[in-house]
């Protein structure tokens, strides 16, 4: 796309914006202010049963959320924007964080800088899913984020080639403990090979909790320990990200 094309699109966008009637604009703003701003939160626990961090995820205003596996790339991006905005774009962050780290799954656009990330490396952990291909641009983006002080977590680690490529950048590696009877010790050893802390995901029974502890996991997340709760951030004052 040429500079002339960019200028033309920008001019078109301004024309569309100017064409929106003021009454319709005010109605939209009022509707937006009345719509619930929700975010789901589930604790990640230490081996002593103390909350270490929280996983944050999307909840729609009507509290009905379709399976994320069915979402488009754009839907994943919008959901992440919602979670980041509801959390860091509202006052009283500590009502959510309680002094702990906050894990948020971030699609590719956030990793490479196409979409903004709140400048809160003291709280935000960038969680990378296995739903996209890792290339040089993603690796470079994660390196920049680490240089800025952010911690990186790899989600759903199963020892794929692209996940291995990111291990040197990871502070946390999350493994679905429901797969341990299949994957077991070798995957766990690879996951910890660069010194990352291991998080056992989907701890749903005492048996999986014991198995994860035996394999050396130090952090645990799942419905056995705590079901995700929904926080309403509607009335928290908006702040700049």
C-alpha atoms as a PDB file:
ATOM      1  CA  UNK A   1       0.000   0.000   0.000  1.00  0.00           C
ATOM      2  CA  UNK A   2       1.380   3.445  -0.985  1.00  0.00           C
ATOM      3  CA  UNK A   3       1.423   6.650   1.054  1.00  0.00           C
ATOM      4  CA  UNK A   4      -1.312   7.960  -1.272  1.00  0.00           C
ATOM      5  CA  UNK A   5      -3.455   4.924  -0.411  1.00  0.00           C
ATOM      6  CA  UNK A   6      -2.857   5.500   3.315  1.00  0.00           C
ATOM      7  CA  UNK A   7      -3.808   9.166   2.985  1.00  0.00           C
ATOM      8  CA  UNK A   8      -6.948   8.244   1.079  1.00  0.00           C
ATOM      9  CA  UNK A   9      -8.046   5.730   3.715  1.00  0.00           C
ATOM     10  CA  UNK A  10      -7.384   8.241   6.494  1.00  0.00           C
ATOM     11  CA  UNK A  11      -9.450  10.866   4.652  1.00  0.00           C
ATOM     12  CA  UNK A  12     -12.288   8.358   4.179  1.00  0.00           C
ATOM     13  CA  UNK A  13     -12.194   7.432   7.874  1.00  0.00           C
ATOM     14  CA  UNK A  14     -12.426  11.106   8.856  1.00  0.00           C
ATOM     15  CA  UNK A  15     -15.360  11.612   6.467  1.00  0.00           C
ATOM     16  CA  UNK A  16     -17.211   8.638   7.971  1.00  0.00           C
ATOM     17  CA  UNK A  17     -16.514   9.921  11.499  1.00  0.00           C
ATOM     18  CA  UNK A  18     -17.758  13.418  10.601  1.00  0.00           C
ATOM     19  CA  UNK A  19     -20.938  11.985   9.049  1.00  0.00           C
ATOM     20  CA  UNK A  20     -22.106  10.381  12.328  1.00  0.00           C
ATOM     21  CA  UNK A  21     -24.872  12.563  13.822  1.00  0.00           C
ATOM     22  CA  UNK A  22     -24.145  14.006  17.256  1.00  0.00           C
ATOM     23  CA  UNK A  23     -27.320  12.472  18.691  1.00  0.00           C
ATOM     24  CA  UNK A  24     -26.279   8.997  17.546  1.00  0.00           C
ATOM     25  CA  UNK A  25     -22.785   9.534  18.922  1.00  0.00           C
ATOM     26  CA  UNK A  26     -24.176  10.537  22.334  1.00  0.00           C
ATOM     27  CA  UNK A  27     -26.538   7.556  22.336  1.00  0.00           C
ATOM     28  CA  UNK A  28     -23.639   5.201  21.631  1.00  0.00           C
ATOM     29  CA  UNK A  29     -21.531   6.704  24.426  1.00  0.00           C
ATOM     30  CA  UNK A  30     -24.433   6.370  26.895  1.00  0.00           C
ATOM     31  CA  UNK A  31     -25.016   2.765  25.860  1.00  0.00           C
ATOM     32  CA  UNK A  32     -21.318   2.003  26.273  1.00  0.00           C
ATOM     33  CA  UNK A  33     -21.342   3.502  29.769  1.00  0.00           C
ATOM     34  CA  UNK A  34     -24.307   1.343  30.822  1.00  0.00           C
ATOM     35  CA  UNK A  35     -22.916  -1.925  29.442  1.00  0.00           C
ATOM     36  CA  UNK A  36     -21.266  -4.111  32.107  1.00  0.00           C
ATOM     37  CA  UNK A  37     -17.464  -4.299  31.964  1.00  0.00           C
ATOM     38  CA  UNK A  38     -16.621  -7.806  33.125  1.00  0.00           C
ATOM     39  CA  UNK A  39     -13.428  -9.807  33.437  1.00  0.00           C
ATOM     40  CA  UNK A  40     -12.923 -13.350  34.719  1.00  0.00           C
ATOM     41  CA  UNK A  41     -10.218 -14.082  37.272  1.00  0.00           C
ATOM     42  CA  UNK A  42      -8.766 -17.395  38.449  1.00  0.00           C
ATOM     43  CA  UNK A  43      -5.912 -17.679  40.925  1.00  0.00           C
ATOM     44  CA  UNK A  44      -2.615 -19.469  40.324  1.00  0.00           C
ATOM     45  CA  UNK A  45      -1.456 -21.018  43.588  1.00  0.00           C
ATOM     46  CA  UNK A  46       1.884 -21.924  45.124  1.00  0.00           C
ATOM     47  CA  UNK A  47       2.608 -25.420  46.439  1.00  0.00           C
ATOM     48  CA  UNK A  48       1.673 -24.062  49.892  1.00  0.00           C
ATOM     49  CA  UNK A  49      -1.816 -23.099  48.654  1.00  0.00           C
ATOM     50  CA  UNK A  50      -1.215 -19.343  48.587  1.00  0.00           C
ATOM     51  CA  UNK A  51      -2.335 -17.183  45.619  1.00  0.00           C
ATOM     52  CA  UNK A  52       0.734 -16.265  43.554  1.00  0.00           C
ATOM     53  CA  UNK A  53      -0.914 -14.628  40.520  1.00  0.00           C
ATOM     54  CA  UNK A  54      -4.215 -14.373  38.677  1.00  0.00           C
ATOM     55  CA  UNK A  55      -5.219 -15.480  35.191  1.00  0.00           C
ATOM     56  CA  UNK A  56      -7.546 -12.963  33.560  1.00  0.00           C
ATOM     57  CA  UNK A  57      -9.885 -13.830  30.698  1.00  0.00           C
ATOM     58  CA  UNK A  58     -12.777 -12.424  28.698  1.00  0.00           C
ATOM     59  CA  UNK A  59     -16.401 -12.400  29.776  1.00  0.00           C
ATOM     60  CA  UNK A  60     -19.071 -10.843  27.590  1.00  0.00           C
ATOM     61  CA  UNK A  61     -21.551  -8.353  29.110  1.00  0.00           C
ATOM     62  CA  UNK A  62     -24.303 -10.994  29.006  1.00  0.00           C
ATOM     63  CA  UNK A  63     -21.894 -13.460  30.715  1.00  0.00           C
ATOM     64  CA  UNK A  64     -22.243 -15.892  27.806  1.00  0.00           C
ATOM     65  CA  UNK A  65     -18.904 -16.600  26.157  1.00  0.00           C
ATOM     66  CA  UNK A  66     -18.594 -18.839  23.114  1.00  0.00           C
ATOM     67  CA  UNK A  67     -15.686 -21.292  22.986  1.00  0.00           C
ATOM     68  CA  UNK A  68     -12.488 -19.384  22.196  1.00  0.00           C
ATOM     69  CA  UNK A  69     -11.442 -22.203  19.858  1.00  0.00           C
ATOM     70  CA  UNK A  70     -14.197 -21.006  17.495  1.00  0.00           C
ATOM     71  CA  UNK A  71     -13.084 -17.359  17.487  1.00  0.00           C
ATOM     72  CA  UNK A  72     -11.500 -15.566  14.563  1.00  0.00           C
ATOM     73  CA  UNK A  73      -8.171 -13.745  14.902  1.00  0.00           C
ATOM     74  CA  UNK A  74     -10.060 -10.458  15.188  1.00  0.00           C
ATOM     75  CA  UNK A  75     -12.303 -11.826  17.955  1.00  0.00           C
ATOM     76  CA  UNK A  76      -9.248 -12.936  19.952  1.00  0.00           C
ATOM     77  CA  UNK A  77      -7.763  -9.466  19.583  1.00  0.00           C
ATOM     78  CA  UNK A  78     -10.981  -7.730  20.641  1.00  0.00           C
ATOM     79  CA  UNK A  79     -11.326 -10.037  23.662  1.00  0.00           C
ATOM     80  CA  UNK A  80      -7.768  -9.245  24.749  1.00  0.00           C
ATOM     81  CA  UNK A  81      -8.369  -5.514  24.282  1.00  0.00           C
ATOM     82  CA  UNK A  82     -11.431  -5.865  26.508  1.00  0.00           C
ATOM     83  CA  UNK A  83      -9.503  -7.693  29.248  1.00  0.00           C
ATOM     84  CA  UNK A  84      -6.619  -5.208  29.198  1.00  0.00           C
ATOM     85  CA  UNK A  85      -8.988  -2.242  29.143  1.00  0.00           C
ATOM     86  CA  UNK A  86     -11.222  -3.584  31.913  1.00  0.00           C
ATOM     87  CA  UNK A  87      -8.168  -4.267  34.064  1.00  0.00           C
ATOM     88  CA  UNK A  88      -5.521  -1.625  33.360  1.00  0.00           C
ATOM     89  CA  UNK A  89      -7.805   0.956  31.749  1.00  0.00           C
ATOM     90  CA  UNK A  90      -9.811   1.375  34.954  1.00  0.00           C
ATOM     91  CA  UNK A  91      -8.894   2.808  38.342  1.00  0.00           C
ATOM     92  CA  UNK A  92      -8.348   0.672  41.440  1.00  0.00           C
ATOM     93  CA  UNK A  93      -6.176  -1.936  39.717  1.00  0.00           C
ATOM     94  CA  UNK A  94      -5.312  -3.445  43.083  1.00  0.00           C
ATOM     95  CA  UNK A  95      -8.948  -4.490  43.512  1.00  0.00           C
ATOM     96  CA  UNK A  96      -8.096  -6.962  40.755  1.00  0.00           C
ATOM     97  CA  UNK A  97      -4.412  -7.657  41.405  1.00  0.00           C
ATOM     98  CA  UNK A  98      -4.083  -7.545  45.221  1.00  0.00           C
ATOM     99  CA  UNK A  99      -0.359  -7.005  44.682  1.00  0.00           C
ATOM    100  CA  UNK A 100       0.013 -10.084  42.469  1.00  0.00           C
ATOM    101  CA  UNK A 101       0.959 -10.729  38.851  1.00  0.00           C
ATOM    102  CA  UNK A 102      -1.779 -10.812  36.205  1.00  0.00           C
ATOM    103  CA  UNK A 103      -1.531 -13.318  33.351  1.00  0.00           C
ATOM    104  CA  UNK A 104      -3.270 -12.286  30.108  1.00  0.00           C
ATOM    105  CA  UNK A 105      -3.185 -14.307  26.883  1.00  0.00           C
ATOM    106  CA  UNK A 106      -2.050 -11.996  24.089  1.00  0.00           C
ATOM    107  CA  UNK A 107      -2.450 -12.794  20.371  1.00  0.00           C
ATOM    108  CA  UNK A 108       0.248 -12.055  17.816  1.00  0.00           C
ATOM    109  CA  UNK A 109      -0.785  -8.437  17.162  1.00  0.00           C
ATOM    110  CA  UNK A 110       0.114  -7.517  20.757  1.00  0.00           C
ATOM    111  CA  UNK A 111       3.424  -9.380  20.626  1.00  0.00           C
ATOM    112  CA  UNK A 112       4.694  -7.637  17.498  1.00  0.00           C
ATOM    113  CA  UNK A 113       3.486  -4.155  18.458  1.00  0.00           C
ATOM    114  CA  UNK A 114       0.518  -3.815  16.095  1.00  0.00           C
ATOM    115  CA  UNK A 115      -1.767  -3.414  19.122  1.00  0.00           C
ATOM    116  CA  UNK A 116      -0.698  -1.656  22.351  1.00  0.00           C
ATOM    117  CA  UNK A 117       0.086  -3.304  25.668  1.00  0.00           C
ATOM    118  CA  UNK A 118      -0.315  -1.389  28.964  1.00  0.00           C
ATOM    119  CA  UNK A 119       3.021  -0.244  30.336  1.00  0.00           C
ATOM    120  CA  UNK A 120       2.683  -2.240  33.537  1.00  0.00           C
ATOM    121  CA  UNK A 121       5.485  -4.829  33.574  1.00  0.00           C
ATOM    122  CA  UNK A 122       5.211  -4.816  37.365  1.00  0.00           C
ATOM    123  CA  UNK A 123       1.816  -6.534  37.061  1.00  0.00           C
ATOM    124  CA  UNK A 124       1.204  -7.831  33.540  1.00  0.00           C
ATOM    125  CA  UNK A 125       2.537 -11.220  32.420  1.00  0.00           C
ATOM    126  CA  UNK A 126       2.338 -11.658  28.631  1.00  0.00           C
ATOM    127  CA  UNK A 127       0.994 -15.141  27.973  1.00  0.00           C
ATOM    128  CA  UNK A 128       1.743 -16.611  24.541  1.00  0.00           C
ATOM    129  CA  UNK A 129      -0.629 -19.257  23.223  1.00  0.00           C
ATOM    130  CA  UNK A 130       0.243 -22.019  20.779  1.00  0.00           C
ATOM    131  CA  UNK A 131      -2.464 -20.847  18.372  1.00  0.00           C
ATOM    132  CA  UNK A 132      -0.164 -18.973  16.001  1.00  0.00           C
ATOM    133  CA  UNK A 133       3.090 -19.597  14.184  1.00  0.00           C
ATOM    134  CA  UNK A 134       6.215 -18.206  15.788  1.00  0.00           C
ATOM    135  CA  UNK A 135       8.432 -16.307  13.371  1.00  0.00           C
ATOM    136  CA  UNK A 136      11.301 -13.820  13.606  1.00  0.00           C
ATOM    137  CA  UNK A 137       8.878 -10.922  14.146  1.00  0.00           C
ATOM    138  CA  UNK A 138       7.252 -12.609  17.151  1.00  0.00           C
ATOM    139  CA  UNK A 139      10.625 -13.521  18.668  1.00  0.00           C
ATOM    140  CA  UNK A 140      11.882  -9.949  18.207  1.00  0.00           C
ATOM    141  CA  UNK A 141       8.687  -8.568  19.742  1.00  0.00           C
ATOM    142  CA  UNK A 142       8.982 -10.795  22.802  1.00  0.00           C
ATOM    143  CA  UNK A 143      12.605  -9.806  23.242  1.00  0.00           C
ATOM    144  CA  UNK A 144      11.581  -6.136  23.220  1.00  0.00           C
ATOM    145  CA  UNK A 145       8.881  -6.832  25.783  1.00  0.00           C
ATOM    146  CA  UNK A 146      11.372  -8.601  28.050  1.00  0.00           C
ATOM    147  CA  UNK A 147      13.793  -5.693  27.680  1.00  0.00           C
ATOM    148  CA  UNK A 148      10.940  -3.462  28.838  1.00  0.00           C
ATOM    149  CA  UNK A 149      10.622  -5.580  31.976  1.00  0.00           C
ATOM    150  CA  UNK A 150       7.660  -7.798  31.084  1.00  0.00           C
ATOM    151  CA  UNK A 151       7.556 -11.439  32.121  1.00  0.00           C
ATOM    152  CA  UNK A 152       6.623 -14.007  29.456  1.00  0.00           C
ATOM    153  CA  UNK A 153       4.546 -17.163  29.929  1.00  0.00           C
ATOM    154  CA  UNK A 154       4.126 -19.995  27.413  1.00  0.00           C
ATOM    155  CA  UNK A 155       0.666 -21.558  27.558  1.00  0.00           C
ATOM    156  CA  UNK A 156      -0.318 -25.158  26.762  1.00  0.00           C
ATOM    157  CA  UNK A 157       3.268 -26.331  26.327  1.00  0.00           C
ATOM    158  CA  UNK A 158       3.554 -29.655  24.478  1.00  0.00           C
ATOM    159  CA  UNK A 159       7.119 -29.301  23.173  1.00  0.00           C
ATOM    160  CA  UNK A 160       6.415 -28.196  19.605  1.00  0.00           C
ATOM    161  CA  UNK A 161       9.232 -26.724  17.519  1.00  0.00           C
ATOM    162  CA  UNK A 162       7.980 -23.155  17.778  1.00  0.00           C
ATOM    163  CA  UNK A 163       7.413 -23.473  21.538  1.00  0.00           C
ATOM    164  CA  UNK A 164      10.993 -24.652  21.997  1.00  0.00           C
ATOM    165  CA  UNK A 165      12.129 -21.558  20.125  1.00  0.00           C
ATOM    166  CA  UNK A 166      10.506 -19.380  22.789  1.00  0.00           C
ATOM    167  CA  UNK A 167      11.755 -21.270  25.852  1.00  0.00           C
ATOM    168  CA  UNK A 168      14.823 -19.023  26.358  1.00  0.00           C
ATOM    169  CA  UNK A 169      12.449 -16.049  26.662  1.00  0.00           C
ATOM    170  CA  UNK A 170       9.962 -17.678  29.043  1.00  0.00           C
ATOM    171  CA  UNK A 171       9.685 -16.928  32.759  1.00  0.00           C
ATOM    172  CA  UNK A 172       6.755 -19.348  33.135  1.00  0.00           C
ATOM    173  CA  UNK A 173       5.747 -22.465  31.209  1.00  0.00           C
ATOM    174  CA  UNK A 174       2.196 -23.772  31.602  1.00  0.00           C
ATOM    175  CA  UNK A 175       1.393 -27.441  30.955  1.00  0.00           C
ATOM    176  CA  UNK A 176      -2.039 -29.052  30.833  1.00  0.00           C
ATOM    177  CA  UNK A 177      -1.756 -31.707  33.544  1.00  0.00           C
ATOM    178  CA  UNK A 178      -4.501 -33.730  31.878  1.00  0.00           C
ATOM    179  CA  UNK A 179      -1.832 -34.633  29.296  1.00  0.00           C
ATOM    180  CA  UNK A 180       0.749 -35.781  31.831  1.00  0.00           C
ATOM    181  CA  UNK A 181      -0.221 -39.438  31.542  1.00  0.00           C
ATOM    182  CA  UNK A 182       0.683 -39.202  27.847  1.00  0.00           C
ATOM    183  CA  UNK A 183       3.485 -36.604  27.765  1.00  0.00           C
ATOM    184  CA  UNK A 184       4.887 -37.092  31.250  1.00  0.00           C
ATOM    185  CA  UNK A 185       8.419 -36.507  32.408  1.00  0.00           C
ATOM    186  CA  UNK A 186      10.198 -35.718  29.067  1.00  0.00           C
ATOM    187  CA  UNK A 187       8.001 -32.693  28.286  1.00  0.00           C
ATOM    188  CA  UNK A 188       8.361 -31.399  31.845  1.00  0.00           C
ATOM    189  CA  UNK A 189      12.155 -31.653  31.601  1.00  0.00           C
ATOM    190  CA  UNK A 190      12.210 -29.723  28.326  1.00  0.00           C
ATOM    191  CA  UNK A 191       9.871 -27.080  29.774  1.00  0.00           C
ATOM    192  CA  UNK A 192      12.182 -26.397  32.717  1.00  0.00           C
ATOM    193  CA  UNK A 193      15.427 -26.599  30.683  1.00  0.00           C
ATOM    194  CA  UNK A 194      15.913 -22.796  30.635  1.00  0.00           C
ATOM    195  CA  UNK A 195      14.916 -22.224  34.244  1.00  0.00           C
ATOM    196  CA  UNK A 196      11.261 -21.219  33.813  1.00  0.00           C
ATOM    197  CA  UNK A 197       8.807 -21.792  36.646  1.00  0.00           C
ATOM    198  CA  UNK A 198       6.345 -24.562  35.779  1.00  0.00           C
ATOM    199  CA  UNK A 199       2.592 -23.962  36.087  1.00  0.00           C
ATOM    200  CA  UNK A 200       0.236 -26.951  36.151  1.00  0.00           C
ATOM    201  CA  UNK A 201      -2.920 -25.972  34.242  1.00  0.00           C
ATOM    202  CA  UNK A 202      -6.353 -27.617  34.499  1.00  0.00           C
ATOM    203  CA  UNK A 203      -5.857 -29.164  37.920  1.00  0.00           C
ATOM    204  CA  UNK A 204      -9.273 -30.774  38.254  1.00  0.00           C
ATOM    205  CA  UNK A 205      -8.693 -33.656  40.689  1.00  0.00           C
ATOM    206  CA  UNK A 206      -6.510 -34.570  43.687  1.00  0.00           C
ATOM    207  CA  UNK A 207      -4.793 -37.199  41.499  1.00  0.00           C
ATOM    208  CA  UNK A 208      -3.625 -34.662  38.911  1.00  0.00           C
ATOM    209  CA  UNK A 209      -2.485 -32.325  41.675  1.00  0.00           C
ATOM    210  CA  UNK A 210      -0.353 -35.079  43.245  1.00  0.00           C
ATOM    211  CA  UNK A 211       1.079 -36.064  39.850  1.00  0.00           C
ATOM    212  CA  UNK A 212       2.031 -32.451  39.109  1.00  0.00           C
ATOM    213  CA  UNK A 213       3.727 -32.066  42.479  1.00  0.00           C
ATOM    214  CA  UNK A 214       5.648 -35.305  41.954  1.00  0.00           C
ATOM    215  CA  UNK A 215       6.916 -33.979  38.609  1.00  0.00           C
ATOM    216  CA  UNK A 216       8.254 -30.818  40.213  1.00  0.00           C
ATOM    217  CA  UNK A 217       5.602 -28.224  39.375  1.00  0.00           C
ATOM    218  CA  UNK A 218       5.678 -25.252  41.749  1.00  0.00           C
ATOM    219  CA  UNK A 219       2.547 -23.369  40.611  1.00  0.00           C
ATOM    220  CA  UNK A 220      -0.977 -24.736  40.146  1.00  0.00           C
ATOM    221  CA  UNK A 221      -4.169 -23.555  38.450  1.00  0.00           C
ATOM    222  CA  UNK A 222      -7.532 -25.249  38.030  1.00  0.00           C
ATOM    223  CA  UNK A 223     -11.075 -25.733  39.251  1.00  0.00           C
ATOM    224  CA  UNK A 224      -9.995 -28.088  42.043  1.00  0.00           C
ATOM    225  CA  UNK A 225      -8.247 -25.124  43.645  1.00  0.00           C
ATOM    226  CA  UNK A 226     -10.524 -22.282  42.570  1.00  0.00           C
ATOM    227  CA  UNK A 227     -13.178 -21.733  39.932  1.00  0.00           C
ATOM    228  CA  UNK A 228     -12.906 -18.526  37.907  1.00  0.00           C
ATOM    229  CA  UNK A 229     -14.941 -15.687  39.336  1.00  0.00           C
ATOM    230  CA  UNK A 230     -16.284 -12.703  37.419  1.00  0.00           C
ATOM    231  CA  UNK A 231     -15.302  -9.166  38.435  1.00  0.00           C
ATOM    232  CA  UNK A 232     -17.492  -6.202  37.451  1.00  0.00           C
ATOM    233  CA  UNK A 233     -15.332  -3.204  36.552  1.00  0.00           C
ATOM    234  CA  UNK A 234     -18.188  -1.091  35.189  1.00  0.00           C
ATOM    235  CA  UNK A 235     -18.098   1.568  37.892  1.00  0.00           C
ATOM    236  CA  UNK A 236     -14.308   1.865  38.152  1.00  0.00           C
ATOM    237  CA  UNK A 237     -13.188   5.186  36.688  1.00  0.00           C
ATOM    238  CA  UNK A 238     -11.491   5.053  33.291  1.00  0.00           C
ATOM    239  CA  UNK A 239      -7.770   5.840  33.237  1.00  0.00           C
ATOM    240  CA  UNK A 240      -5.163   6.050  30.491  1.00  0.00           C
ATOM    241  CA  UNK A 241      -3.526   2.757  29.555  1.00  0.00           C
END
